[in-house]
């Protein structure tokens, strides 16, 4: 009886883990939309590892199957937890440092009277000045509060591209030679691009904010606030997250296609950065991986979490590069100025 229950639980867990991996190859706008399974991949992987130890003495055949499955899925787990060291950079290298940051409309930069304190201003400046200092900053969720904060670093970044009807921005220490946008039909969710002259070379940089999941206020508070919730409210909040993710994943798939196809029209070195609102185990992430390098996979060390809320291992912000650039380093910058952590990567121009 007990062995029978263990077998059933093991098979169900294996199917869910496989489904979470397969979800990255399935377009969310098809009838077989299993995208929400991808959200749970890192947790299913960890549960499967513990479960395999539990059943090792009782179900040797199934435990071997689970071990093989863990070895296969371990490759994908490196998109969440990685151990790659950063490369040393010599003064002769042609390098460019890019930061991506979802500023959350400056909500956590002001008090309840919508006034910025000196401490917050200084914390933002310290964040930007943290070595290696970024040459290009891609910002998402820009509003008047964020623009006021950015005024403090305007002298360091004299070149910028921003449109009043878009909430994304690109700041640069180097001249912007050409720029444009991809129309997602929204202000908050948008994508800007800029061709930037760096040491005699030109690179194309995208600052993208893909479709938000539009969670309810209760669900968002559950994710971001450190407080206990009643069982019914917690279940309702989780269900809201899963259903909204299911609904809007197809919109992000179309937006990822737009970015990929637009970037394919240039022969320049390309960097695509921003808040994708999707984890590594998703169609959106997989869409780019045949032609782009994920900076965290290449040079990330430790846990790659970019969401500062209550969900561990939630990585939804990325800096990707094509084959004309070599990733030299990657870093997640812990900061309390937003519900996202800034990320930064150094690239060498080949």
C-alpha atoms as a PDB file:
ATOM      1  CA  UNK A   1       0.000   0.000   0.000  1.00  0.00           C
ATOM      2  CA  UNK A   2       2.717   2.456   1.016  1.00  0.00           C
ATOM      3  CA  UNK A   3       4.912   1.463  -1.933  1.00  0.00           C
ATOM      4  CA  UNK A   4       1.941   1.925  -4.249  1.00  0.00           C
ATOM      5  CA  UNK A   5       1.382   5.474  -2.992  1.00  0.00           C
ATOM      6  CA  UNK A   6       5.098   6.230  -3.305  1.00  0.00           C
ATOM      7  CA  UNK A   7       5.047   4.991  -6.919  1.00  0.00           C
ATOM      8  CA  UNK A   8       2.065   7.190  -7.795  1.00  0.00           C
ATOM      9  CA  UNK A   9       3.605  10.266  -6.151  1.00  0.00           C
ATOM     10  CA  UNK A  10       6.944   9.619  -7.878  1.00  0.00           C
ATOM     11  CA  UNK A  11       5.363   9.283 -11.319  1.00  0.00           C
ATOM     12  CA  UNK A  12       3.238  12.413 -10.831  1.00  0.00           C
ATOM     13  CA  UNK A  13       6.267  14.401  -9.670  1.00  0.00           C
ATOM     14  CA  UNK A  14       8.316  13.155 -12.641  1.00  0.00           C
ATOM     15  CA  UNK A  15       5.554  14.125 -15.090  1.00  0.00           C
ATOM     16  CA  UNK A  16       5.258  17.607 -13.597  1.00  0.00           C
ATOM     17  CA  UNK A  17       9.031  18.130 -13.733  1.00  0.00           C
ATOM     18  CA  UNK A  18       9.170  16.975 -17.360  1.00  0.00           C
ATOM     19  CA  UNK A  19       6.181  19.187 -18.188  1.00  0.00           C
ATOM     20  CA  UNK A  20       7.861  22.221 -16.624  1.00  0.00           C
ATOM     21  CA  UNK A  21      10.899  21.657 -18.872  1.00  0.00           C
ATOM     22  CA  UNK A  22       8.887  20.953 -22.015  1.00  0.00           C
ATOM     23  CA  UNK A  23       6.838  24.139 -21.461  1.00  0.00           C
ATOM     24  CA  UNK A  24       9.676  26.281 -22.866  1.00  0.00           C
ATOM     25  CA  UNK A  25       9.169  24.753 -26.332  1.00  0.00           C
ATOM     26  CA  UNK A  26       5.391  25.176 -26.409  1.00  0.00           C
ATOM     27  CA  UNK A  27       3.987  28.496 -27.625  1.00  0.00           C
ATOM     28  CA  UNK A  28       1.573  29.808 -24.996  1.00  0.00           C
ATOM     29  CA  UNK A  29      -1.036  30.738 -27.621  1.00  0.00           C
ATOM     30  CA  UNK A  30      -1.601  27.097 -28.585  1.00  0.00           C
ATOM     31  CA  UNK A  31      -4.272  24.835 -27.101  1.00  0.00           C
ATOM     32  CA  UNK A  32      -1.530  23.005 -25.192  1.00  0.00           C
ATOM     33  CA  UNK A  33      -0.560  25.999 -23.042  1.00  0.00           C
ATOM     34  CA  UNK A  34       1.428  24.520 -20.168  1.00  0.00           C
ATOM     35  CA  UNK A  35       3.408  27.718 -19.512  1.00  0.00           C
ATOM     36  CA  UNK A  36       2.439  27.942 -15.790  1.00  0.00           C
ATOM     37  CA  UNK A  37       4.349  24.703 -15.181  1.00  0.00           C
ATOM     38  CA  UNK A  38       7.549  26.530 -16.133  1.00  0.00           C
ATOM     39  CA  UNK A  39       7.020  28.881 -13.185  1.00  0.00           C
ATOM     40  CA  UNK A  40       7.404  25.960 -10.797  1.00  0.00           C
ATOM     41  CA  UNK A  41      10.451  24.304 -12.380  1.00  0.00           C
ATOM     42  CA  UNK A  42      13.109  25.220  -9.751  1.00  0.00           C
ATOM     43  CA  UNK A  43      10.826  24.160  -6.908  1.00  0.00           C
ATOM     44  CA  UNK A  44       9.866  20.906  -8.650  1.00  0.00           C
ATOM     45  CA  UNK A  45      13.577  20.223  -9.230  1.00  0.00           C
ATOM     46  CA  UNK A  46      14.428  20.689  -5.541  1.00  0.00           C
ATOM     47  CA  UNK A  47      11.434  18.627  -4.401  1.00  0.00           C
ATOM     48  CA  UNK A  48      12.410  15.882  -6.862  1.00  0.00           C
ATOM     49  CA  UNK A  49      15.969  15.821  -5.486  1.00  0.00           C
ATOM     50  CA  UNK A  50      14.717  15.396  -1.914  1.00  0.00           C
ATOM     51  CA  UNK A  51      12.075  12.873  -2.988  1.00  0.00           C
ATOM     52  CA  UNK A  52      14.673  10.748  -4.770  1.00  0.00           C
ATOM     53  CA  UNK A  53      16.610  10.429  -1.526  1.00  0.00           C
ATOM     54  CA  UNK A  54      13.429   9.425   0.306  1.00  0.00           C
ATOM     55  CA  UNK A  55      12.483   6.625  -2.106  1.00  0.00           C
ATOM     56  CA  UNK A  56      16.039   5.365  -2.753  1.00  0.00           C
ATOM     57  CA  UNK A  57      15.720   2.459  -0.287  1.00  0.00           C
ATOM     58  CA  UNK A  58      12.154   1.518  -1.196  1.00  0.00           C
ATOM     59  CA  UNK A  59      11.852   1.973  -4.988  1.00  0.00           C
ATOM     60  CA  UNK A  60      15.271   1.422  -6.533  1.00  0.00           C
ATOM     61  CA  UNK A  61      14.011   1.316 -10.121  1.00  0.00           C
ATOM     62  CA  UNK A  62      12.052   4.560  -9.860  1.00  0.00           C
ATOM     63  CA  UNK A  63      14.835   6.227  -7.888  1.00  0.00           C
ATOM     64  CA  UNK A  64      17.251   5.491 -10.769  1.00  0.00           C
ATOM     65  CA  UNK A  65      14.710   6.987 -13.188  1.00  0.00           C
ATOM     66  CA  UNK A  66      14.423  10.071 -10.998  1.00  0.00           C
ATOM     67  CA  UNK A  67      18.208  10.363 -10.785  1.00  0.00           C
ATOM     68  CA  UNK A  68      18.470  10.334 -14.601  1.00  0.00           C
ATOM     69  CA  UNK A  69      15.724  12.954 -14.772  1.00  0.00           C
ATOM     70  CA  UNK A  70      17.561  15.111 -12.222  1.00  0.00           C
ATOM     71  CA  UNK A  71      20.804  14.936 -14.220  1.00  0.00           C
ATOM     72  CA  UNK A  72      18.919  16.063 -17.349  1.00  0.00           C
ATOM     73  CA  UNK A  73      17.003  18.829 -15.600  1.00  0.00           C
ATOM     74  CA  UNK A  74      20.120  19.949 -13.692  1.00  0.00           C
ATOM     75  CA  UNK A  75      21.343  21.610 -16.886  1.00  0.00           C
ATOM     76  CA  UNK A  76      18.287  23.885 -16.833  1.00  0.00           C
ATOM     77  CA  UNK A  77      18.601  24.531 -13.110  1.00  0.00           C
ATOM     78  CA  UNK A  78      21.851  26.370 -13.914  1.00  0.00           C
ATOM     79  CA  UNK A  79      19.642  29.168 -15.268  1.00  0.00           C
ATOM     80  CA  UNK A  80      18.604  29.804 -11.651  1.00  0.00           C
ATOM     81  CA  UNK A  81      21.729  28.932  -9.651  1.00  0.00           C
ATOM     82  CA  UNK A  82      25.125  29.116 -11.336  1.00  0.00           C
ATOM     83  CA  UNK A  83      28.829  28.889 -10.453  1.00  0.00           C
ATOM     84  CA  UNK A  84      30.646  30.613 -13.319  1.00  0.00           C
ATOM     85  CA  UNK A  85      33.560  32.920 -12.327  1.00  0.00           C
ATOM     86  CA  UNK A  86      33.925  36.383 -13.865  1.00  0.00           C
ATOM     87  CA  UNK A  87      36.784  36.954 -16.315  1.00  0.00           C
ATOM     88  CA  UNK A  88      39.586  39.407 -15.657  1.00  0.00           C
ATOM     89  CA  UNK A  89      39.495  42.488 -17.879  1.00  0.00           C
ATOM     90  CA  UNK A  90      42.657  44.148 -19.178  1.00  0.00           C
ATOM     91  CA  UNK A  91      42.940  47.825 -20.015  1.00  0.00           C
ATOM     92  CA  UNK A  92      43.448  46.964 -23.696  1.00  0.00           C
ATOM     93  CA  UNK A  93      40.081  45.204 -23.995  1.00  0.00           C
ATOM     94  CA  UNK A  94      37.247  46.979 -25.799  1.00  0.00           C
ATOM     95  CA  UNK A  95      34.497  46.593 -23.222  1.00  0.00           C
ATOM     96  CA  UNK A  96      31.074  48.019 -22.531  1.00  0.00           C
ATOM     97  CA  UNK A  97      29.146  47.678 -19.259  1.00  0.00           C
ATOM     98  CA  UNK A  98      25.356  47.499 -19.370  1.00  0.00           C
ATOM     99  CA  UNK A  99      22.896  47.752 -16.486  1.00  0.00           C
ATOM    100  CA  UNK A 100      19.196  46.874 -16.629  1.00  0.00           C
ATOM    101  CA  UNK A 101      16.793  48.045 -13.936  1.00  0.00           C
ATOM    102  CA  UNK A 102      13.031  47.998 -13.460  1.00  0.00           C
ATOM    103  CA  UNK A 103      12.546  51.062 -11.248  1.00  0.00           C
ATOM    104  CA  UNK A 104       8.920  50.186 -10.298  1.00  0.00           C
ATOM    105  CA  UNK A 105       7.690  53.710 -11.088  1.00  0.00           C
ATOM    106  CA  UNK A 106       9.747  54.956  -8.141  1.00  0.00           C
ATOM    107  CA  UNK A 107       7.183  53.629  -5.640  1.00  0.00           C
ATOM    108  CA  UNK A 108       9.862  52.557  -3.155  1.00  0.00           C
ATOM    109  CA  UNK A 109      11.886  55.749  -3.694  1.00  0.00           C
ATOM    110  CA  UNK A 110       9.329  58.048  -2.036  1.00  0.00           C
ATOM    111  CA  UNK A 111       7.504  58.168   1.297  1.00  0.00           C
ATOM    112  CA  UNK A 112       3.732  58.164   1.781  1.00  0.00           C
ATOM    113  CA  UNK A 113       3.721  61.891   0.938  1.00  0.00           C
ATOM    114  CA  UNK A 114       5.475  61.153  -2.394  1.00  0.00           C
ATOM    115  CA  UNK A 115       8.616  62.949  -1.260  1.00  0.00           C
ATOM    116  CA  UNK A 116      12.114  61.565  -1.869  1.00  0.00           C
ATOM    117  CA  UNK A 117      14.466  61.561   1.084  1.00  0.00           C
ATOM    118  CA  UNK A 118      18.154  62.417   0.857  1.00  0.00           C
ATOM    119  CA  UNK A 119      18.936  58.842   1.895  1.00  0.00           C
ATOM    120  CA  UNK A 120      17.007  57.427  -1.077  1.00  0.00           C
ATOM    121  CA  UNK A 121      18.699  59.826  -3.485  1.00  0.00           C
ATOM    122  CA  UNK A 122      22.115  58.880  -2.148  1.00  0.00           C
ATOM    123  CA  UNK A 123      21.257  55.168  -2.262  1.00  0.00           C
ATOM    124  CA  UNK A 124      20.325  55.520  -5.938  1.00  0.00           C
ATOM    125  CA  UNK A 125      23.542  57.382  -6.766  1.00  0.00           C
ATOM    126  CA  UNK A 126      25.579  54.744  -4.905  1.00  0.00           C
ATOM    127  CA  UNK A 127      23.793  52.043  -6.869  1.00  0.00           C
ATOM    128  CA  UNK A 128      24.659  53.651 -10.198  1.00  0.00           C
ATOM    129  CA  UNK A 129      28.263  54.376  -9.144  1.00  0.00           C
ATOM    130  CA  UNK A 130      28.957  50.823  -7.993  1.00  0.00           C
ATOM    131  CA  UNK A 131      31.973  49.464  -9.907  1.00  0.00           C
ATOM    132  CA  UNK A 132      32.225  48.581 -12.683  1.00  0.00           C
ATOM    133  CA  UNK A 133      30.272  51.724 -13.530  1.00  0.00           C
ATOM    134  CA  UNK A 134      27.722  51.133 -16.301  1.00  0.00           C
ATOM    135  CA  UNK A 135      28.298  52.748 -19.687  1.00  0.00           C
ATOM    136  CA  UNK A 136      24.695  52.118 -20.710  1.00  0.00           C
ATOM    137  CA  UNK A 137      21.664  51.905 -18.402  1.00  0.00           C
ATOM    138  CA  UNK A 138      18.382  50.406 -19.592  1.00  0.00           C
ATOM    139  CA  UNK A 139      15.507  51.365 -17.313  1.00  0.00           C
ATOM    140  CA  UNK A 140      11.928  50.110 -17.245  1.00  0.00           C
ATOM    141  CA  UNK A 141       8.872  51.590 -15.496  1.00  0.00           C
ATOM    142  CA  UNK A 142       9.985  55.186 -15.778  1.00  0.00           C
ATOM    143  CA  UNK A 143       7.740  58.014 -14.531  1.00  0.00           C
ATOM    144  CA  UNK A 144       8.195  61.519 -13.113  1.00  0.00           C
ATOM    145  CA  UNK A 145       9.631  60.195  -9.831  1.00  0.00           C
ATOM    146  CA  UNK A 146      12.257  58.096 -11.637  1.00  0.00           C
ATOM    147  CA  UNK A 147      13.099  60.925 -14.034  1.00  0.00           C
ATOM    148  CA  UNK A 148      13.678  63.224 -11.054  1.00  0.00           C
ATOM    149  CA  UNK A 149      16.027  60.637  -9.572  1.00  0.00           C
ATOM    150  CA  UNK A 150      17.830  60.264 -12.904  1.00  0.00           C
ATOM    151  CA  UNK A 151      18.440  64.011 -12.966  1.00  0.00           C
ATOM    152  CA  UNK A 152      21.107  63.387 -10.305  1.00  0.00           C
ATOM    153  CA  UNK A 153      23.231  61.482 -12.838  1.00  0.00           C
ATOM    154  CA  UNK A 154      22.433  63.512 -15.963  1.00  0.00           C
ATOM    155  CA  UNK A 155      25.994  64.838 -16.241  1.00  0.00           C
ATOM    156  CA  UNK A 156      27.420  61.306 -16.287  1.00  0.00           C
ATOM    157  CA  UNK A 157      24.956  60.119 -18.937  1.00  0.00           C
ATOM    158  CA  UNK A 158      24.522  63.002 -21.388  1.00  0.00           C
ATOM    159  CA  UNK A 159      22.959  60.803 -24.082  1.00  0.00           C
ATOM    160  CA  UNK A 160      19.533  59.336 -23.528  1.00  0.00           C
ATOM    161  CA  UNK A 161      16.587  58.019 -25.493  1.00  0.00           C
ATOM    162  CA  UNK A 162      13.135  58.286 -23.990  1.00  0.00           C
ATOM    163  CA  UNK A 163       9.679  58.869 -25.408  1.00  0.00           C
ATOM    164  CA  UNK A 164       6.949  60.540 -23.383  1.00  0.00           C
ATOM    165  CA  UNK A 165       4.444  57.823 -24.300  1.00  0.00           C
ATOM    166  CA  UNK A 166       6.765  54.983 -23.254  1.00  0.00           C
ATOM    167  CA  UNK A 167       7.950  53.959 -19.785  1.00  0.00           C
ATOM    168  CA  UNK A 168      11.309  52.593 -20.879  1.00  0.00           C
ATOM    169  CA  UNK A 169      14.543  54.555 -21.241  1.00  0.00           C
ATOM    170  CA  UNK A 170      18.138  54.141 -22.406  1.00  0.00           C
ATOM    171  CA  UNK A 171      20.920  56.245 -20.832  1.00  0.00           C
ATOM    172  CA  UNK A 172      24.411  56.259 -22.326  1.00  0.00           C
ATOM    173  CA  UNK A 173      27.825  57.752 -21.748  1.00  0.00           C
ATOM    174  CA  UNK A 174      28.438  57.293 -25.462  1.00  0.00           C
ATOM    175  CA  UNK A 175      26.675  58.990 -28.407  1.00  0.00           C
ATOM    176  CA  UNK A 176      23.399  57.483 -29.631  1.00  0.00           C
ATOM    177  CA  UNK A 177      23.577  57.362 -33.417  1.00  0.00           C
ATOM    178  CA  UNK A 178      20.142  55.972 -34.181  1.00  0.00           C
ATOM    179  CA  UNK A 179      17.119  54.942 -32.138  1.00  0.00           C
ATOM    180  CA  UNK A 180      13.554  53.718 -32.330  1.00  0.00           C
ATOM    181  CA  UNK A 181      10.859  51.734 -30.577  1.00  0.00           C
ATOM    182  CA  UNK A 182       8.780  48.600 -30.998  1.00  0.00           C
ATOM    183  CA  UNK A 183       5.117  49.301 -30.404  1.00  0.00           C
ATOM    184  CA  UNK A 184       3.550  46.930 -27.878  1.00  0.00           C
ATOM    185  CA  UNK A 185       0.403  49.068 -27.764  1.00  0.00           C
ATOM    186  CA  UNK A 186       1.087  50.118 -24.169  1.00  0.00           C
ATOM    187  CA  UNK A 187       3.020  52.775 -22.267  1.00  0.00           C
ATOM    188  CA  UNK A 188       4.244  50.711 -19.322  1.00  0.00           C
ATOM    189  CA  UNK A 189       5.074  47.621 -21.385  1.00  0.00           C
ATOM    190  CA  UNK A 190       7.284  48.841 -24.202  1.00  0.00           C
ATOM    191  CA  UNK A 191      10.630  48.422 -25.927  1.00  0.00           C
ATOM    192  CA  UNK A 192      13.160  51.013 -27.077  1.00  0.00           C
ATOM    193  CA  UNK A 193      16.358  50.400 -29.019  1.00  0.00           C
ATOM    194  CA  UNK A 194      19.427  52.522 -29.685  1.00  0.00           C
ATOM    195  CA  UNK A 195      22.552  52.182 -31.819  1.00  0.00           C
ATOM    196  CA  UNK A 196      25.389  53.440 -29.636  1.00  0.00           C
ATOM    197  CA  UNK A 197      28.939  54.363 -30.689  1.00  0.00           C
ATOM    198  CA  UNK A 198      31.489  52.708 -28.380  1.00  0.00           C
ATOM    199  CA  UNK A 199      35.241  53.127 -29.030  1.00  0.00           C
ATOM    200  CA  UNK A 200      34.837  53.318 -32.776  1.00  0.00           C
ATOM    201  CA  UNK A 201      32.318  50.481 -32.863  1.00  0.00           C
ATOM    202  CA  UNK A 202      28.519  50.554 -32.927  1.00  0.00           C
ATOM    203  CA  UNK A 203      26.344  48.303 -30.795  1.00  0.00           C
ATOM    204  CA  UNK A 204      22.571  47.993 -30.643  1.00  0.00           C
ATOM    205  CA  UNK A 205      20.936  47.954 -27.214  1.00  0.00           C
ATOM    206  CA  UNK A 206      17.298  47.121 -26.416  1.00  0.00           C
ATOM    207  CA  UNK A 207      15.502  48.122 -23.224  1.00  0.00           C
ATOM    208  CA  UNK A 208      12.382  45.966 -22.988  1.00  0.00           C
ATOM    209  CA  UNK A 209       9.532  45.546 -20.551  1.00  0.00           C
ATOM    210  CA  UNK A 210       7.314  42.690 -21.664  1.00  0.00           C
ATOM    211  CA  UNK A 211       3.648  42.333 -20.756  1.00  0.00           C
ATOM    212  CA  UNK A 212       2.973  42.430 -17.029  1.00  0.00           C
ATOM    213  CA  UNK A 213       0.878  39.750 -15.356  1.00  0.00           C
ATOM    214  CA  UNK A 214      -1.452  42.410 -13.908  1.00  0.00           C
ATOM    215  CA  UNK A 215      -1.846  40.787 -10.530  1.00  0.00           C
ATOM    216  CA  UNK A 216      -4.532  41.894  -8.144  1.00  0.00           C
ATOM    217  CA  UNK A 217      -3.510  44.188  -5.287  1.00  0.00           C
ATOM    218  CA  UNK A 218      -3.914  41.326  -2.790  1.00  0.00           C
ATOM    219  CA  UNK A 219      -1.701  39.005  -4.850  1.00  0.00           C
ATOM    220  CA  UNK A 220       0.963  41.668  -5.262  1.00  0.00           C
ATOM    221  CA  UNK A 221       0.985  42.360  -1.535  1.00  0.00           C
ATOM    222  CA  UNK A 222       1.272  38.647  -0.845  1.00  0.00           C
ATOM    223  CA  UNK A 223       4.369  38.507  -3.063  1.00  0.00           C
ATOM    224  CA  UNK A 224       6.086  41.603  -1.737  1.00  0.00           C
ATOM    225  CA  UNK A 225       5.131  42.087   1.898  1.00  0.00           C
ATOM    226  CA  UNK A 226       6.634  40.062   4.703  1.00  0.00           C
ATOM    227  CA  UNK A 227       3.461  39.086   6.540  1.00  0.00           C
ATOM    228  CA  UNK A 228       1.434  35.945   7.105  1.00  0.00           C
ATOM    229  CA  UNK A 229      -1.742  35.332   5.127  1.00  0.00           C
ATOM    230  CA  UNK A 230      -4.766  33.220   5.937  1.00  0.00           C
ATOM    231  CA  UNK A 231      -4.906  29.921   4.064  1.00  0.00           C
ATOM    232  CA  UNK A 232      -7.867  30.936   1.888  1.00  0.00           C
ATOM    233  CA  UNK A 233      -6.271  34.243   0.920  1.00  0.00           C
ATOM    234  CA  UNK A 234      -2.946  32.547   0.142  1.00  0.00           C
ATOM    235  CA  UNK A 235      -4.636  29.949  -2.092  1.00  0.00           C
ATOM    236  CA  UNK A 236      -6.648  32.682  -3.820  1.00  0.00           C
ATOM    237  CA  UNK A 237      -3.493  34.723  -4.366  1.00  0.00           C
ATOM    238  CA  UNK A 238      -1.563  31.784  -5.836  1.00  0.00           C
ATOM    239  CA  UNK A 239      -4.480  30.966  -8.130  1.00  0.00           C
ATOM    240  CA  UNK A 240      -4.594  34.593  -9.292  1.00  0.00           C
ATOM    241  CA  UNK A 241      -0.873  34.473 -10.103  1.00  0.00           C
ATOM    242  CA  UNK A 242      -1.159  31.239 -12.095  1.00  0.00           C
ATOM    243  CA  UNK A 243      -4.254  32.286 -14.072  1.00  0.00           C
ATOM    244  CA  UNK A 244      -2.870  35.741 -14.911  1.00  0.00           C
ATOM    245  CA  UNK A 245       0.440  34.211 -15.954  1.00  0.00           C
ATOM    246  CA  UNK A 246      -1.458  31.747 -18.168  1.00  0.00           C
ATOM    247  CA  UNK A 247      -3.437  34.584 -19.758  1.00  0.00           C
ATOM    248  CA  UNK A 248      -0.604  37.024 -20.498  1.00  0.00           C
ATOM    249  CA  UNK A 249       2.173  34.595 -21.446  1.00  0.00           C
ATOM    250  CA  UNK A 250       0.869  34.506 -25.027  1.00  0.00           C
ATOM    251  CA  UNK A 251       1.147  38.316 -25.242  1.00  0.00           C
ATOM    252  CA  UNK A 252       4.777  38.135 -24.116  1.00  0.00           C
ATOM    253  CA  UNK A 253       5.449  35.433 -26.707  1.00  0.00           C
ATOM    254  CA  UNK A 254       4.331  37.808 -29.485  1.00  0.00           C
ATOM    255  CA  UNK A 255       6.428  40.635 -28.015  1.00  0.00           C
ATOM    256  CA  UNK A 256       9.500  38.381 -27.819  1.00  0.00           C
ATOM    257  CA  UNK A 257       8.975  37.461 -31.479  1.00  0.00           C
ATOM    258  CA  UNK A 258       8.851  41.180 -32.359  1.00  0.00           C
ATOM    259  CA  UNK A 259      12.150  41.881 -30.580  1.00  0.00           C
ATOM    260  CA  UNK A 260      13.863  38.813 -32.010  1.00  0.00           C
ATOM    261  CA  UNK A 261      12.788  39.594 -35.577  1.00  0.00           C
ATOM    262  CA  UNK A 262      13.733  43.276 -35.280  1.00  0.00           C
ATOM    263  CA  UNK A 263      17.181  42.426 -33.859  1.00  0.00           C
ATOM    264  CA  UNK A 264      17.699  39.941 -36.705  1.00  0.00           C
ATOM    265  CA  UNK A 265      17.663  42.793 -39.235  1.00  0.00           C
ATOM    266  CA  UNK A 266      21.007  44.211 -38.048  1.00  0.00           C
ATOM    267  CA  UNK A 267      24.541  42.868 -38.322  1.00  0.00           C
ATOM    268  CA  UNK A 268      25.675  44.888 -35.300  1.00  0.00           C
ATOM    269  CA  UNK A 269      26.588  43.468 -31.896  1.00  0.00           C
ATOM    270  CA  UNK A 270      23.247  43.289 -30.049  1.00  0.00           C
ATOM    271  CA  UNK A 271      22.367  43.454 -26.346  1.00  0.00           C
ATOM    272  CA  UNK A 272      18.767  42.767 -25.299  1.00  0.00           C
ATOM    273  CA  UNK A 273      17.999  43.671 -21.708  1.00  0.00           C
ATOM    274  CA  UNK A 274      15.018  44.242 -19.498  1.00  0.00           C
ATOM    275  CA  UNK A 275      12.157  42.825 -17.495  1.00  0.00           C
ATOM    276  CA  UNK A 276      10.726  39.871 -19.440  1.00  0.00           C
ATOM    277  CA  UNK A 277       8.188  38.916 -16.738  1.00  0.00           C
ATOM    278  CA  UNK A 278       9.005  35.282 -17.557  1.00  0.00           C
ATOM    279  CA  UNK A 279      11.366  32.776 -15.908  1.00  0.00           C
ATOM    280  CA  UNK A 280      14.112  30.912 -17.788  1.00  0.00           C
ATOM    281  CA  UNK A 281      11.777  27.956 -18.234  1.00  0.00           C
ATOM    282  CA  UNK A 282       9.508  29.776 -20.681  1.00  0.00           C
ATOM    283  CA  UNK A 283       8.890  30.182 -24.391  1.00  0.00           C
ATOM    284  CA  UNK A 284      10.041  33.832 -24.221  1.00  0.00           C
ATOM    285  CA  UNK A 285      13.456  32.908 -22.814  1.00  0.00           C
ATOM    286  CA  UNK A 286      13.897  29.946 -25.165  1.00  0.00           C
ATOM    287  CA  UNK A 287      13.019  32.167 -28.162  1.00  0.00           C
ATOM    288  CA  UNK A 288      16.347  33.966 -27.835  1.00  0.00           C
ATOM    289  CA  UNK A 289      18.646  31.151 -26.762  1.00  0.00           C
ATOM    290  CA  UNK A 290      19.525  29.818 -30.233  1.00  0.00           C
ATOM    291  CA  UNK A 291      21.261  33.107 -31.130  1.00  0.00           C
ATOM    292  CA  UNK A 292      21.916  34.865 -27.820  1.00  0.00           C
ATOM    293  CA  UNK A 293      23.919  34.277 -24.666  1.00  0.00           C
ATOM    294  CA  UNK A 294      22.343  34.733 -21.261  1.00  0.00           C
ATOM    295  CA  UNK A 295      24.866  36.732 -19.216  1.00  0.00           C
ATOM    296  CA  UNK A 296      23.915  34.938 -16.015  1.00  0.00           C
ATOM    297  CA  UNK A 297      24.375  31.510 -17.600  1.00  0.00           C
ATOM    298  CA  UNK A 298      27.752  32.598 -18.959  1.00  0.00           C
ATOM    299  CA  UNK A 299      29.218  34.397 -15.929  1.00  0.00           C
ATOM    300  CA  UNK A 300      26.710  34.363 -13.098  1.00  0.00           C
ATOM    301  CA  UNK A 301      27.696  33.107  -9.654  1.00  0.00           C
ATOM    302  CA  UNK A 302      25.238  32.149  -6.941  1.00  0.00           C
ATOM    303  CA  UNK A 303      21.469  32.543  -7.002  1.00  0.00           C
ATOM    304  CA  UNK A 304      20.183  34.560  -9.961  1.00  0.00           C
ATOM    305  CA  UNK A 305      17.003  35.892  -8.330  1.00  0.00           C
ATOM    306  CA  UNK A 306      16.054  39.321  -9.710  1.00  0.00           C
ATOM    307  CA  UNK A 307      12.685  39.730  -7.947  1.00  0.00           C
ATOM    308  CA  UNK A 308      13.001  41.128  -4.438  1.00  0.00           C
ATOM    309  CA  UNK A 309       9.654  39.798  -3.210  1.00  0.00           C
ATOM    310  CA  UNK A 310       8.788  36.680  -1.236  1.00  0.00           C
ATOM    311  CA  UNK A 311       9.177  34.131  -4.040  1.00  0.00           C
ATOM    312  CA  UNK A 312      12.719  32.662  -4.046  1.00  0.00           C
ATOM    313  CA  UNK A 313      14.528  31.817  -7.289  1.00  0.00           C
ATOM    314  CA  UNK A 314      12.258  34.095  -9.341  1.00  0.00           C
ATOM    315  CA  UNK A 315      14.451  35.349 -12.171  1.00  0.00           C
ATOM    316  CA  UNK A 316      12.639  37.508 -14.727  1.00  0.00           C
ATOM    317  CA  UNK A 317      15.216  40.215 -15.654  1.00  0.00           C
ATOM    318  CA  UNK A 318      17.878  39.477 -18.260  1.00  0.00           C
ATOM    319  CA  UNK A 319      20.804  40.819 -20.259  1.00  0.00           C
ATOM    320  CA  UNK A 320      21.326  38.829 -23.453  1.00  0.00           C
ATOM    321  CA  UNK A 321      23.979  39.290 -26.148  1.00  0.00           C
ATOM    322  CA  UNK A 322      24.602  37.927 -29.621  1.00  0.00           C
ATOM    323  CA  UNK A 323      27.753  36.172 -30.814  1.00  0.00           C
ATOM    324  CA  UNK A 324      29.589  39.407 -31.652  1.00  0.00           C
ATOM    325  CA  UNK A 325      30.021  40.077 -27.935  1.00  0.00           C
ATOM    326  CA  UNK A 326      31.739  38.056 -25.223  1.00  0.00           C
ATOM    327  CA  UNK A 327      30.351  38.117 -21.685  1.00  0.00           C
ATOM    328  CA  UNK A 328      33.102  38.965 -19.199  1.00  0.00           C
ATOM    329  CA  UNK A 329      31.099  39.338 -15.981  1.00  0.00           C
ATOM    330  CA  UNK A 330      27.601  39.413 -14.527  1.00  0.00           C
ATOM    331  CA  UNK A 331      26.209  40.677 -11.239  1.00  0.00           C
ATOM    332  CA  UNK A 332      22.867  41.033  -9.465  1.00  0.00           C
ATOM    333  CA  UNK A 333      22.917  44.229  -7.404  1.00  0.00           C
ATOM    334  CA  UNK A 334      20.894  43.912  -4.216  1.00  0.00           C
ATOM    335  CA  UNK A 335      18.903  47.090  -3.670  1.00  0.00           C
ATOM    336  CA  UNK A 336      15.752  48.069  -1.807  1.00  0.00           C
ATOM    337  CA  UNK A 337      14.711  50.816  -4.223  1.00  0.00           C
ATOM    338  CA  UNK A 338      12.387  48.606  -6.287  1.00  0.00           C
ATOM    339  CA  UNK A 339      10.714  45.206  -6.324  1.00  0.00           C
ATOM    340  CA  UNK A 340      13.352  44.223  -8.904  1.00  0.00           C
ATOM    341  CA  UNK A 341      17.095  43.995  -8.396  1.00  0.00           C
ATOM    342  CA  UNK A 342      19.288  45.781 -10.961  1.00  0.00           C
ATOM    343  CA  UNK A 343      21.517  43.513 -13.038  1.00  0.00           C
ATOM    344  CA  UNK A 344      24.816  44.429 -14.662  1.00  0.00           C
ATOM    345  CA  UNK A 345      27.057  42.773 -17.237  1.00  0.00           C
ATOM    346  CA  UNK A 346      30.393  43.582 -18.868  1.00  0.00           C
ATOM    347  CA  UNK A 347      30.930  42.678 -22.539  1.00  0.00           C
ATOM    348  CA  UNK A 348      33.995  42.604 -24.731  1.00  0.00           C
ATOM    349  CA  UNK A 349      33.562  43.604 -28.362  1.00  0.00           C
ATOM    350  CA  UNK A 350      35.081  40.849 -30.484  1.00  0.00           C
END
